[in-house]
Amino acid sequence: LWGINNKYIDRRRYDLYFELLAGCGLRRSEGLNLKTGDFDFLNGEFRVIGKGAEVRTLPIPSRIQEDLLKWIRDKKMKQADYFFQNKQGKRPSAATFTDELKKRLDILGYEKSIHLHTLRHFFITEAYRAGLNPIKVMKLVGHTSIKTHLRYMHLFGKDLHDVVDEHPINKFPVGENLP
């Protein structure tokens, strides 16, 4: 895509950032603070520093591993470089990525307000819908409280149908007396 003054803007930076937030449940600051040296491609893992300087090791989503490697090679990045650095080689601001997300949503005609943190909620909700172990997901995203973790799950009508259908009371044959 061409930006202001006809300069070519490499949108891969944004794509990869959004992929990591949505695909790993990262906090926006965890993504912004990533450095090239945090990635261990041999073991398929990367390290993030979360709230309270808590260090977590997460699996690299296999679907974007090659794209991450290509980004590093194309940009000739060093171990100490911020992975999503700005043109000055500094840690990028959240506003840069928020603006890009809003532009993309406008192009799609999406009118609801979505923030970078919404991608974290999306990850946790979709993990629950997929039947993944909630304790493992909680550990992966760095939650220490189940109460906090549950606030991230957004369940709607269709998500609740199986609960009613699978409840023991609703498994009694029609016409039989309930206990």
N, C-alpha and C. Protein backbone atom coordinates (compact mmCIF):
# COMPACT_ATOMS: atom_id res chain seq x y z
N LEU A 1 0.83 -1.18 0.00
CA LEU A 1 0.00 0.00 0.00
C LEU A 1 0.88 1.25 0.00
N TRP A 2 0.37 2.26 -0.66
CA TRP A 2 1.11 3.52 -0.72
C TRP A 2 0.53 4.48 0.30
N GLY A 3 1.40 5.15 1.02
CA GLY A 3 0.97 6.06 2.07
C GLY A 3 1.16 7.51 1.65
N ILE A 4 1.24 8.37 2.63
CA ILE A 4 1.42 9.80 2.41
C ILE A 4 2.71 10.01 1.63
N ASN A 5 2.70 10.93 0.71
CA ASN A 5 3.86 11.27 -0.13
C ASN A 5 4.34 10.09 -0.97
N ASN A 6 3.43 9.19 -1.30
CA ASN A 6 3.72 8.05 -2.17
C ASN A 6 4.85 7.15 -1.67
N LYS A 7 5.03 7.06 -0.36
CA LYS A 7 6.01 6.14 0.20
C LYS A 7 5.34 4.78 0.36
N TYR A 8 6.10 3.74 0.09
CA TYR A 8 5.56 2.40 0.28
C TYR A 8 5.56 2.07 1.76
N ILE A 9 4.43 1.62 2.27
CA ILE A 9 4.30 1.25 3.68
C ILE A 9 4.18 -0.27 3.75
N ASP A 10 5.09 -0.89 4.49
CA ASP A 10 5.09 -2.33 4.64
C ASP A 10 4.10 -2.71 5.73
N ARG A 11 2.96 -3.24 5.33
CA ARG A 11 1.89 -3.57 6.26
C ARG A 11 2.12 -4.88 7.01
N ARG A 12 3.17 -5.62 6.67
CA ARG A 12 3.42 -6.90 7.35
C ARG A 12 3.61 -6.69 8.85
N ARG A 13 4.20 -5.58 9.23
CA ARG A 13 4.42 -5.29 10.65
C ARG A 13 3.09 -5.33 11.40
N TYR A 14 2.08 -4.71 10.83
CA TYR A 14 0.76 -4.69 11.46
C TYR A 14 0.13 -6.08 11.43
N ASP A 15 0.24 -6.76 10.30
CA ASP A 15 -0.33 -8.10 10.18
C ASP A 15 0.23 -9.02 11.26
N LEU A 16 1.54 -9.01 11.40
CA LEU A 16 2.18 -9.90 12.38
C LEU A 16 1.81 -9.54 13.81
N TYR A 17 1.73 -8.25 14.09
CA TYR A 17 1.34 -7.81 15.43
C TYR A 17 -0.08 -8.28 15.76
N PHE A 18 -1.02 -8.04 14.84
CA PHE A 18 -2.40 -8.47 15.06
C PHE A 18 -2.50 -9.98 15.18
N GLU A 19 -1.72 -10.69 14.37
CA GLU A 19 -1.73 -12.17 14.43
C GLU A 19 -1.26 -12.66 15.80
N LEU A 20 -0.22 -12.05 16.35
CA LEU A 20 0.27 -12.48 17.66
C LEU A 20 -0.71 -12.15 18.78
N LEU A 21 -1.33 -10.97 18.71
CA LEU A 21 -2.31 -10.63 19.74
C LEU A 21 -3.51 -11.57 19.68
N ALA A 22 -4.06 -11.78 18.49
CA ALA A 22 -5.25 -12.62 18.34
C ALA A 22 -4.93 -14.10 18.44
N GLY A 23 -3.73 -14.51 18.04
CA GLY A 23 -3.38 -15.92 17.99
C GLY A 23 -2.73 -16.45 19.26
N CYS A 24 -2.34 -15.54 20.17
CA CYS A 24 -1.70 -15.97 21.42
C CYS A 24 -2.33 -15.32 22.64
N GLY A 25 -3.25 -14.39 22.43
CA GLY A 25 -3.89 -13.72 23.56
C GLY A 25 -2.99 -12.74 24.28
N LEU A 26 -2.04 -12.14 23.54
CA LEU A 26 -1.10 -11.20 24.18
C LEU A 26 -1.79 -9.91 24.57
N ARG A 27 -1.28 -9.29 25.61
CA ARG A 27 -1.63 -7.91 25.92
C ARG A 27 -0.92 -7.03 24.90
N ARG A 28 -1.46 -5.85 24.63
CA ARG A 28 -0.84 -4.99 23.61
C ARG A 28 0.60 -4.64 23.97
N SER A 29 0.86 -4.39 25.26
CA SER A 29 2.22 -4.03 25.68
C SER A 29 3.18 -5.20 25.51
N GLU A 30 2.68 -6.43 25.71
CA GLU A 30 3.54 -7.60 25.53
C GLU A 30 4.00 -7.70 24.08
N GLY A 31 3.11 -7.40 23.16
CA GLY A 31 3.49 -7.40 21.74
C GLY A 31 4.44 -6.27 21.39
N LEU A 32 4.17 -5.09 21.93
CA LEU A 32 5.01 -3.93 21.62
C LEU A 32 6.43 -4.08 22.19
N ASN A 33 6.56 -4.78 23.31
CA ASN A 33 7.86 -4.94 23.96
C ASN A 33 8.69 -6.10 23.41
N LEU A 34 8.12 -6.88 22.50
CA LEU A 34 8.87 -8.02 21.95
C LEU A 34 10.13 -7.56 21.24
N LYS A 35 11.19 -8.30 21.47
CA LYS A 35 12.45 -8.06 20.76
C LYS A 35 12.76 -9.29 19.92
N THR A 36 13.54 -9.10 18.91
CA THR A 36 13.88 -10.21 18.01
C THR A 36 14.47 -11.38 18.79
N GLY A 37 15.29 -11.08 19.79
CA GLY A 37 15.93 -12.12 20.59
C GLY A 37 14.96 -12.91 21.47
N ASP A 38 13.71 -12.45 21.57
CA ASP A 38 12.72 -13.17 22.36
C ASP A 38 12.20 -14.41 21.64
N PHE A 39 12.47 -14.50 20.34
CA PHE A 39 11.98 -15.63 19.54
C PHE A 39 13.03 -16.74 19.49
N ASP A 40 12.60 -17.94 19.77
CA ASP A 40 13.44 -19.13 19.67
C ASP A 40 12.78 -20.04 18.63
N PHE A 41 13.19 -19.86 17.38
CA PHE A 41 12.55 -20.58 16.28
C PHE A 41 12.91 -22.06 16.28
N LEU A 42 14.05 -22.42 16.84
CA LEU A 42 14.42 -23.84 16.90
C LEU A 42 13.44 -24.64 17.77
N ASN A 43 13.00 -24.03 18.87
CA ASN A 43 12.06 -24.69 19.76
C ASN A 43 10.61 -24.26 19.53
N GLY A 44 10.40 -23.32 18.58
CA GLY A 44 9.05 -22.87 18.27
C GLY A 44 8.39 -22.11 19.40
N GLU A 45 9.20 -21.30 20.12
CA GLU A 45 8.69 -20.56 21.28
C GLU A 45 9.14 -19.11 21.24
N PHE A 46 8.45 -18.29 22.01
CA PHE A 46 8.91 -16.92 22.24
C PHE A 46 8.59 -16.52 23.66
N ARG A 47 9.33 -15.54 24.12
CA ARG A 47 9.24 -15.10 25.51
C ARG A 47 8.57 -13.73 25.56
N VAL A 48 7.63 -13.57 26.48
CA VAL A 48 7.00 -12.27 26.69
C VAL A 48 7.16 -11.87 28.15
N ILE A 49 7.21 -10.58 28.36
CA ILE A 49 7.26 -10.06 29.72
C ILE A 49 5.90 -9.42 29.99
N GLY A 50 5.16 -10.01 30.92
CA GLY A 50 3.80 -9.57 31.21
C GLY A 50 3.74 -8.61 32.37
N LYS A 51 2.55 -8.53 32.95
CA LYS A 51 2.34 -7.67 34.11
C LYS A 51 3.24 -8.10 35.26
N GLY A 52 3.74 -7.12 35.98
CA GLY A 52 4.60 -7.41 37.13
C GLY A 52 5.90 -8.08 36.74
N ALA A 53 6.35 -7.83 35.51
CA ALA A 53 7.60 -8.39 34.98
C ALA A 53 7.59 -9.92 34.94
N GLU A 54 6.38 -10.50 34.93
CA GLU A 54 6.25 -11.95 34.82
C GLU A 54 6.67 -12.39 33.42
N VAL A 55 7.57 -13.37 33.36
CA VAL A 55 8.05 -13.88 32.08
C VAL A 55 7.30 -15.16 31.74
N ARG A 56 6.74 -15.20 30.54
CA ARG A 56 6.05 -16.40 30.06
C ARG A 56 6.69 -16.85 28.76
N THR A 57 6.74 -18.14 28.55
CA THR A 57 7.21 -18.69 27.28
C THR A 57 6.00 -19.28 26.58
N LEU A 58 5.77 -18.83 25.35
CA LEU A 58 4.60 -19.24 24.58
C LEU A 58 5.02 -19.91 23.29
N PRO A 59 4.18 -20.81 22.79
CA PRO A 59 4.48 -21.39 21.48
C PRO A 59 4.24 -20.37 20.38
N ILE A 60 5.10 -20.39 19.36
CA ILE A 60 4.89 -19.54 18.19
C ILE A 60 3.81 -20.21 17.34
N PRO A 61 2.75 -19.48 16.98
CA PRO A 61 1.75 -20.09 16.11
C PRO A 61 2.41 -20.57 14.81
N SER A 62 2.27 -21.86 14.53
CA SER A 62 2.97 -22.43 13.36
C SER A 62 2.55 -21.77 12.05
N ARG A 63 1.32 -21.25 11.99
CA ARG A 63 0.86 -20.65 10.74
C ARG A 63 1.57 -19.34 10.39
N ILE A 64 2.22 -18.71 11.37
CA ILE A 64 2.93 -17.46 11.04
C ILE A 64 4.43 -17.54 11.30
N GLN A 65 4.93 -18.69 11.68
CA GLN A 65 6.36 -18.82 12.00
C GLN A 65 7.24 -18.39 10.82
N GLU A 66 6.94 -18.85 9.63
CA GLU A 66 7.74 -18.48 8.45
C GLU A 66 7.67 -16.99 8.17
N ASP A 67 6.50 -16.39 8.35
CA ASP A 67 6.35 -14.95 8.13
C ASP A 67 7.18 -14.15 9.14
N LEU A 68 7.24 -14.62 10.38
CA LEU A 68 8.05 -13.95 11.40
C LEU A 68 9.54 -14.03 11.02
N LEU A 69 9.97 -15.19 10.60
CA LEU A 69 11.38 -15.37 10.18
C LEU A 69 11.71 -14.48 8.98
N LYS A 70 10.80 -14.44 8.03
CA LYS A 70 11.02 -13.63 6.82
C LYS A 70 11.11 -12.15 7.18
N TRP A 71 10.28 -11.71 8.12
CA TRP A 71 10.31 -10.32 8.59
C TRP A 71 11.69 -9.98 9.16
N ILE A 72 12.22 -10.88 9.99
CA ILE A 72 13.53 -10.67 10.60
C ILE A 72 14.61 -10.59 9.53
N ARG A 73 14.56 -11.51 8.58
CA ARG A 73 15.56 -11.52 7.50
C ARG A 73 15.45 -10.28 6.62
N ASP A 74 14.24 -9.96 6.19
CA ASP A 74 14.04 -8.81 5.30
C ASP A 74 14.47 -7.49 5.93
N LYS A 75 14.24 -7.36 7.21
CA LYS A 75 14.57 -6.12 7.93
C LYS A 75 15.98 -6.14 8.51
N LYS A 76 16.68 -7.29 8.33
CA LYS A 76 18.05 -7.44 8.85
C LYS A 76 18.11 -7.06 10.34
N MET A 77 17.21 -7.65 11.09
CA MET A 77 17.07 -7.30 12.50
C MET A 77 18.14 -7.98 13.35
N LYS A 78 18.52 -7.28 14.41
CA LYS A 78 19.47 -7.80 15.40
C LYS A 78 18.68 -8.28 16.62
N GLN A 79 19.34 -9.09 17.47
CA GLN A 79 18.69 -9.67 18.64
C GLN A 79 18.05 -8.62 19.56
N ALA A 80 18.68 -7.48 19.71
CA ALA A 80 18.19 -6.46 20.65
C ALA A 80 17.14 -5.52 20.04
N ASP A 81 16.84 -5.68 18.75
CA ASP A 81 15.86 -4.81 18.09
C ASP A 81 14.44 -5.12 18.56
N TYR A 82 13.65 -4.06 18.75
CA TYR A 82 12.22 -4.27 18.98
C TYR A 82 11.66 -4.91 17.72
N PHE A 83 10.88 -5.94 17.90
CA PHE A 83 10.37 -6.68 16.74
C PHE A 83 9.48 -5.81 15.86
N PHE A 84 8.70 -4.93 16.45
CA PHE A 84 7.79 -4.07 15.70
C PHE A 84 8.26 -2.61 15.75
N GLN A 85 9.56 -2.41 15.77
CA GLN A 85 10.14 -1.08 15.94
C GLN A 85 9.65 -0.08 14.89
N ASN A 86 9.69 1.20 15.30
CA ASN A 86 9.33 2.25 14.36
C ASN A 86 10.53 2.60 13.48
N LYS A 87 10.39 3.58 12.63
CA LYS A 87 11.47 3.93 11.69
C LYS A 87 12.74 4.36 12.39
N GLN A 88 12.61 4.86 13.62
CA GLN A 88 13.78 5.30 14.38
C GLN A 88 14.40 4.15 15.18
N GLY A 89 13.86 2.95 15.05
CA GLY A 89 14.38 1.80 15.77
C GLY A 89 13.93 1.73 17.22
N LYS A 90 12.95 2.52 17.58
CA LYS A 90 12.45 2.57 18.95
C LYS A 90 11.21 1.69 19.11
N ARG A 91 10.84 1.48 20.38
CA ARG A 91 9.61 0.75 20.68
C ARG A 91 8.45 1.53 20.09
N PRO A 92 7.57 0.86 19.35
CA PRO A 92 6.44 1.57 18.74
C PRO A 92 5.39 1.94 19.78
N SER A 93 4.55 2.90 19.43
CA SER A 93 3.47 3.28 20.33
C SER A 93 2.23 2.45 20.01
N ALA A 94 1.40 2.28 21.00
CA ALA A 94 0.15 1.55 20.81
C ALA A 94 -0.75 2.30 19.83
N ALA A 95 -0.67 3.63 19.84
CA ALA A 95 -1.52 4.44 18.96
C ALA A 95 -1.29 4.10 17.49
N THR A 96 -0.07 3.77 17.12
CA THR A 96 0.25 3.41 15.74
C THR A 96 -0.58 2.20 15.31
N PHE A 97 -0.65 1.21 16.16
CA PHE A 97 -1.37 -0.02 15.83
C PHE A 97 -2.87 0.15 15.99
N THR A 98 -3.29 0.98 16.95
CA THR A 98 -4.71 1.27 17.12
C THR A 98 -5.24 1.98 15.88
N ASP A 99 -4.49 2.95 15.37
CA ASP A 99 -4.90 3.67 14.15
C ASP A 99 -5.01 2.72 12.97
N GLU A 100 -4.07 1.80 12.85
CA GLU A 100 -4.10 0.84 11.74
C GLU A 100 -5.31 -0.09 11.87
N LEU A 101 -5.60 -0.52 13.08
CA LEU A 101 -6.76 -1.39 13.29
C LEU A 101 -8.04 -0.66 12.89
N LYS A 102 -8.16 0.60 13.30
CA LYS A 102 -9.35 1.39 12.96
C LYS A 102 -9.47 1.58 11.45
N LYS A 103 -8.35 1.82 10.76
CA LYS A 103 -8.37 1.96 9.29
C LYS A 103 -8.88 0.69 8.64
N ARG A 104 -8.40 -0.44 9.11
CA ARG A 104 -8.81 -1.72 8.54
C ARG A 104 -10.28 -2.00 8.79
N LEU A 105 -10.76 -1.66 9.98
CA LEU A 105 -12.18 -1.86 10.28
C LEU A 105 -13.05 -0.94 9.44
N ASP A 106 -12.59 0.29 9.21
CA ASP A 106 -13.33 1.22 8.34
C ASP A 106 -13.44 0.67 6.92
N ILE A 107 -12.34 0.12 6.41
CA ILE A 107 -12.34 -0.45 5.06
C ILE A 107 -13.35 -1.59 4.97
N LEU A 108 -13.46 -2.38 6.04
CA LEU A 108 -14.40 -3.50 6.07
C LEU A 108 -15.84 -3.05 6.34
N GLY A 109 -16.01 -1.77 6.68
CA GLY A 109 -17.34 -1.26 6.99
C GLY A 109 -17.84 -1.66 8.37
N TYR A 110 -16.91 -2.04 9.24
CA TYR A 110 -17.27 -2.46 10.59
C TYR A 110 -17.40 -1.22 11.45
N GLU A 111 -18.56 -1.05 12.06
CA GLU A 111 -18.84 0.19 12.77
C GLU A 111 -18.68 0.11 14.29
N LYS A 112 -18.61 -1.09 14.83
CA LYS A 112 -18.45 -1.21 16.28
C LYS A 112 -17.04 -0.83 16.69
N SER A 113 -16.89 -0.40 17.92
CA SER A 113 -15.58 -0.01 18.44
C SER A 113 -14.80 -1.26 18.87
N ILE A 114 -13.64 -1.43 18.31
CA ILE A 114 -12.76 -2.54 18.70
C ILE A 114 -11.41 -1.94 19.06
N HIS A 115 -10.84 -2.45 20.13
CA HIS A 115 -9.53 -2.00 20.58
C HIS A 115 -8.54 -3.16 20.47
N LEU A 116 -7.27 -2.86 20.61
CA LEU A 116 -6.26 -3.91 20.54
C LEU A 116 -6.52 -4.98 21.61
N HIS A 117 -7.00 -4.56 22.77
CA HIS A 117 -7.26 -5.51 23.86
C HIS A 117 -8.42 -6.45 23.51
N THR A 118 -9.27 -6.04 22.58
CA THR A 118 -10.38 -6.89 22.15
C THR A 118 -9.85 -8.20 21.56
N LEU A 119 -8.68 -8.16 20.94
CA LEU A 119 -8.09 -9.36 20.35
C LEU A 119 -7.76 -10.38 21.44
N ARG A 120 -7.39 -9.92 22.61
CA ARG A 120 -7.12 -10.81 23.75
C ARG A 120 -8.43 -11.48 24.20
N HIS A 121 -9.50 -10.70 24.30
CA HIS A 121 -10.80 -11.25 24.65
C HIS A 121 -11.24 -12.29 23.60
N PHE A 122 -11.01 -11.97 22.35
CA PHE A 122 -11.36 -12.87 21.24
C PHE A 122 -10.62 -14.20 21.39
N PHE A 123 -9.32 -14.14 21.67
CA PHE A 123 -8.52 -15.37 21.83
C PHE A 123 -9.11 -16.25 22.93
N ILE A 124 -9.39 -15.66 24.08
CA ILE A 124 -9.87 -16.44 25.22
C ILE A 124 -11.27 -17.00 24.96
N THR A 125 -12.15 -16.20 24.38
CA THR A 125 -13.50 -16.66 24.06
C THR A 125 -13.46 -17.81 23.06
N GLU A 126 -12.67 -17.67 22.01
CA GLU A 126 -12.61 -18.72 20.98
C GLU A 126 -11.94 -19.99 21.51
N ALA A 127 -11.01 -19.84 22.44
CA ALA A 127 -10.39 -21.03 23.06
C ALA A 127 -11.45 -21.81 23.84
N TYR A 128 -12.29 -21.09 24.56
CA TYR A 128 -13.38 -21.74 25.31
C TYR A 128 -14.33 -22.45 24.34
N ARG A 129 -14.72 -21.74 23.28
CA ARG A 129 -15.65 -22.33 22.30
C ARG A 129 -15.07 -23.57 21.63
N ALA A 130 -13.76 -23.61 21.50
CA ALA A 130 -13.10 -24.77 20.87
C ALA A 130 -12.93 -25.92 21.86
N GLY A 131 -13.32 -25.70 23.12
CA GLY A 131 -13.23 -26.75 24.11
C GLY A 131 -11.84 -26.94 24.70
N LEU A 132 -10.97 -25.92 24.57
CA LEU A 132 -9.63 -26.02 25.12
C LEU A 132 -9.68 -25.93 26.65
N ASN A 133 -8.72 -26.54 27.29
CA ASN A 133 -8.64 -26.56 28.74
C ASN A 133 -8.51 -25.13 29.27
N PRO A 134 -9.50 -24.65 30.04
CA PRO A 134 -9.45 -23.26 30.51
C PRO A 134 -8.28 -22.95 31.43
N ILE A 135 -7.80 -23.93 32.17
CA ILE A 135 -6.65 -23.71 33.06
C ILE A 135 -5.39 -23.49 32.23
N LYS A 136 -5.23 -24.26 31.17
CA LYS A 136 -4.08 -24.07 30.28
C LYS A 136 -4.15 -22.72 29.59
N VAL A 137 -5.33 -22.34 29.14
CA VAL A 137 -5.51 -21.04 28.48
C VAL A 137 -5.20 -19.92 29.47
N MET A 138 -5.67 -20.07 30.69
CA MET A 138 -5.42 -19.07 31.73
C MET A 138 -3.92 -18.89 31.96
N LYS A 139 -3.20 -19.99 32.01
CA LYS A 139 -1.74 -19.94 32.19
C LYS A 139 -1.07 -19.29 30.97
N LEU A 140 -1.52 -19.66 29.80
CA LEU A 140 -0.95 -19.14 28.56
C LEU A 140 -1.05 -17.62 28.49
N VAL A 141 -2.22 -17.07 28.86
CA VAL A 141 -2.42 -15.63 28.75
C VAL A 141 -1.92 -14.85 29.97
N GLY A 142 -1.47 -15.58 31.00
CA GLY A 142 -0.88 -14.92 32.16
C GLY A 142 -1.86 -14.45 33.21
N HIS A 143 -3.06 -15.05 33.24
CA HIS A 143 -4.00 -14.71 34.30
C HIS A 143 -3.69 -15.54 35.54
N THR A 144 -3.74 -14.92 36.70
CA THR A 144 -3.51 -15.65 37.94
C THR A 144 -4.81 -15.86 38.71
N SER A 145 -5.87 -15.19 38.29
CA SER A 145 -7.15 -15.30 38.97
C SER A 145 -8.20 -15.85 37.99
N ILE A 146 -8.92 -16.86 38.42
CA ILE A 146 -9.99 -17.40 37.57
C ILE A 146 -11.08 -16.36 37.38
N LYS A 147 -11.30 -15.51 38.38
CA LYS A 147 -12.31 -14.46 38.30
C LYS A 147 -11.97 -13.49 37.15
N THR A 148 -10.72 -13.10 37.06
CA THR A 148 -10.28 -12.23 35.96
C THR A 148 -10.45 -12.95 34.63
N HIS A 149 -10.02 -14.19 34.60
CA HIS A 149 -10.07 -14.97 33.36
C HIS A 149 -11.50 -15.09 32.84
N LEU A 150 -12.44 -15.33 33.72
CA LEU A 150 -13.83 -15.50 33.31
C LEU A 150 -14.43 -14.23 32.70
N ARG A 151 -13.93 -13.07 33.12
CA ARG A 151 -14.41 -11.81 32.54
C ARG A 151 -14.08 -11.69 31.06
N TYR A 152 -13.10 -12.45 30.61
CA TYR A 152 -12.68 -12.38 29.21
C TYR A 152 -13.52 -13.29 28.29
N MET A 153 -14.30 -14.17 28.87
CA MET A 153 -15.13 -15.07 28.07
C MET A 153 -16.47 -14.40 27.79
N HIS A 154 -16.78 -14.27 26.52
CA HIS A 154 -18.03 -13.63 26.12
C HIS A 154 -18.89 -14.69 25.44
N LEU A 155 -19.90 -15.14 26.16
CA LEU A 155 -20.75 -16.21 25.66
C LEU A 155 -22.11 -15.64 25.27
N PHE A 156 -22.66 -16.18 24.18
CA PHE A 156 -23.92 -15.70 23.65
C PHE A 156 -24.89 -16.87 23.55
N GLY A 157 -26.10 -16.60 23.10
CA GLY A 157 -27.17 -17.58 23.01
C GLY A 157 -26.76 -18.94 22.49
N LYS A 158 -26.14 -19.01 21.34
CA LYS A 158 -25.78 -20.30 20.75
C LYS A 158 -24.72 -21.02 21.58
N ASP A 159 -23.88 -20.26 22.28
CA ASP A 159 -22.87 -20.88 23.14
C ASP A 159 -23.51 -21.63 24.31
N LEU A 160 -24.74 -21.27 24.64
CA LEU A 160 -25.39 -21.83 25.81
C LEU A 160 -26.36 -22.98 25.49
N HIS A 161 -26.65 -23.20 24.22
CA HIS A 161 -27.61 -24.25 23.84
C HIS A 161 -27.17 -25.62 24.32
N ASP A 162 -25.90 -25.95 24.16
CA ASP A 162 -25.44 -27.29 24.54
C ASP A 162 -25.57 -27.52 26.04
N VAL A 163 -25.49 -26.47 26.85
CA VAL A 163 -25.62 -26.63 28.29
C VAL A 163 -27.02 -27.13 28.63
N VAL A 164 -28.03 -26.55 27.99
CA VAL A 164 -29.41 -26.96 28.24
C VAL A 164 -29.63 -28.37 27.71
N ASP A 165 -29.20 -28.63 26.49
CA ASP A 165 -29.43 -29.94 25.88
C ASP A 165 -28.68 -31.06 26.61
N GLU A 166 -27.51 -30.78 27.16
CA GLU A 166 -26.71 -31.80 27.82
C GLU A 166 -27.01 -31.94 29.32
N HIS A 167 -27.85 -31.07 29.86
CA HIS A 167 -28.19 -31.14 31.28
C HIS A 167 -28.95 -32.44 31.55
N PRO A 168 -28.63 -33.13 32.65
CA PRO A 168 -29.26 -34.42 32.95
C PRO A 168 -30.80 -34.39 32.98
N ILE A 169 -31.38 -33.32 33.45
CA ILE A 169 -32.85 -33.23 33.51
C ILE A 169 -33.45 -33.33 32.11
N ASN A 170 -32.76 -32.74 31.14
CA ASN A 170 -33.29 -32.74 29.78
C ASN A 170 -32.97 -34.01 29.00
N LYS A 171 -32.38 -34.98 29.66
CA LYS A 171 -32.08 -36.26 29.02
C LYS A 171 -33.10 -37.34 29.36
N PHE A 172 -34.02 -37.04 30.28
CA PHE A 172 -35.07 -38.00 30.61
C PHE A 172 -35.98 -38.16 29.39
N PRO A 173 -36.39 -39.38 29.11
CA PRO A 173 -37.35 -39.58 28.01
C PRO A 173 -38.67 -38.87 28.31
N VAL A 174 -39.31 -38.39 27.26
CA VAL A 174 -40.58 -37.70 27.41
C VAL A 174 -41.59 -38.65 28.05
N GLY A 175 -42.36 -38.15 29.01
CA GLY A 175 -43.40 -38.95 29.65
C GLY A 175 -42.95 -39.60 30.94
N GLU A 176 -41.65 -39.65 31.21
CA GLU A 176 -41.19 -40.22 32.48
C GLU A 176 -41.22 -39.16 33.56
N ASN A 177 -41.43 -39.61 34.78
CA ASN A 177 -41.43 -38.67 35.91
C ASN A 177 -40.02 -38.27 36.25
N LEU A 178 -39.87 -37.02 36.57
CA LEU A 178 -38.55 -36.52 37.01
C LEU A 178 -38.35 -36.92 38.46
N PRO A 179 -37.11 -37.13 38.90
CA PRO A 179 -36.86 -37.51 40.31
C PRO A 179 -37.29 -36.43 41.27
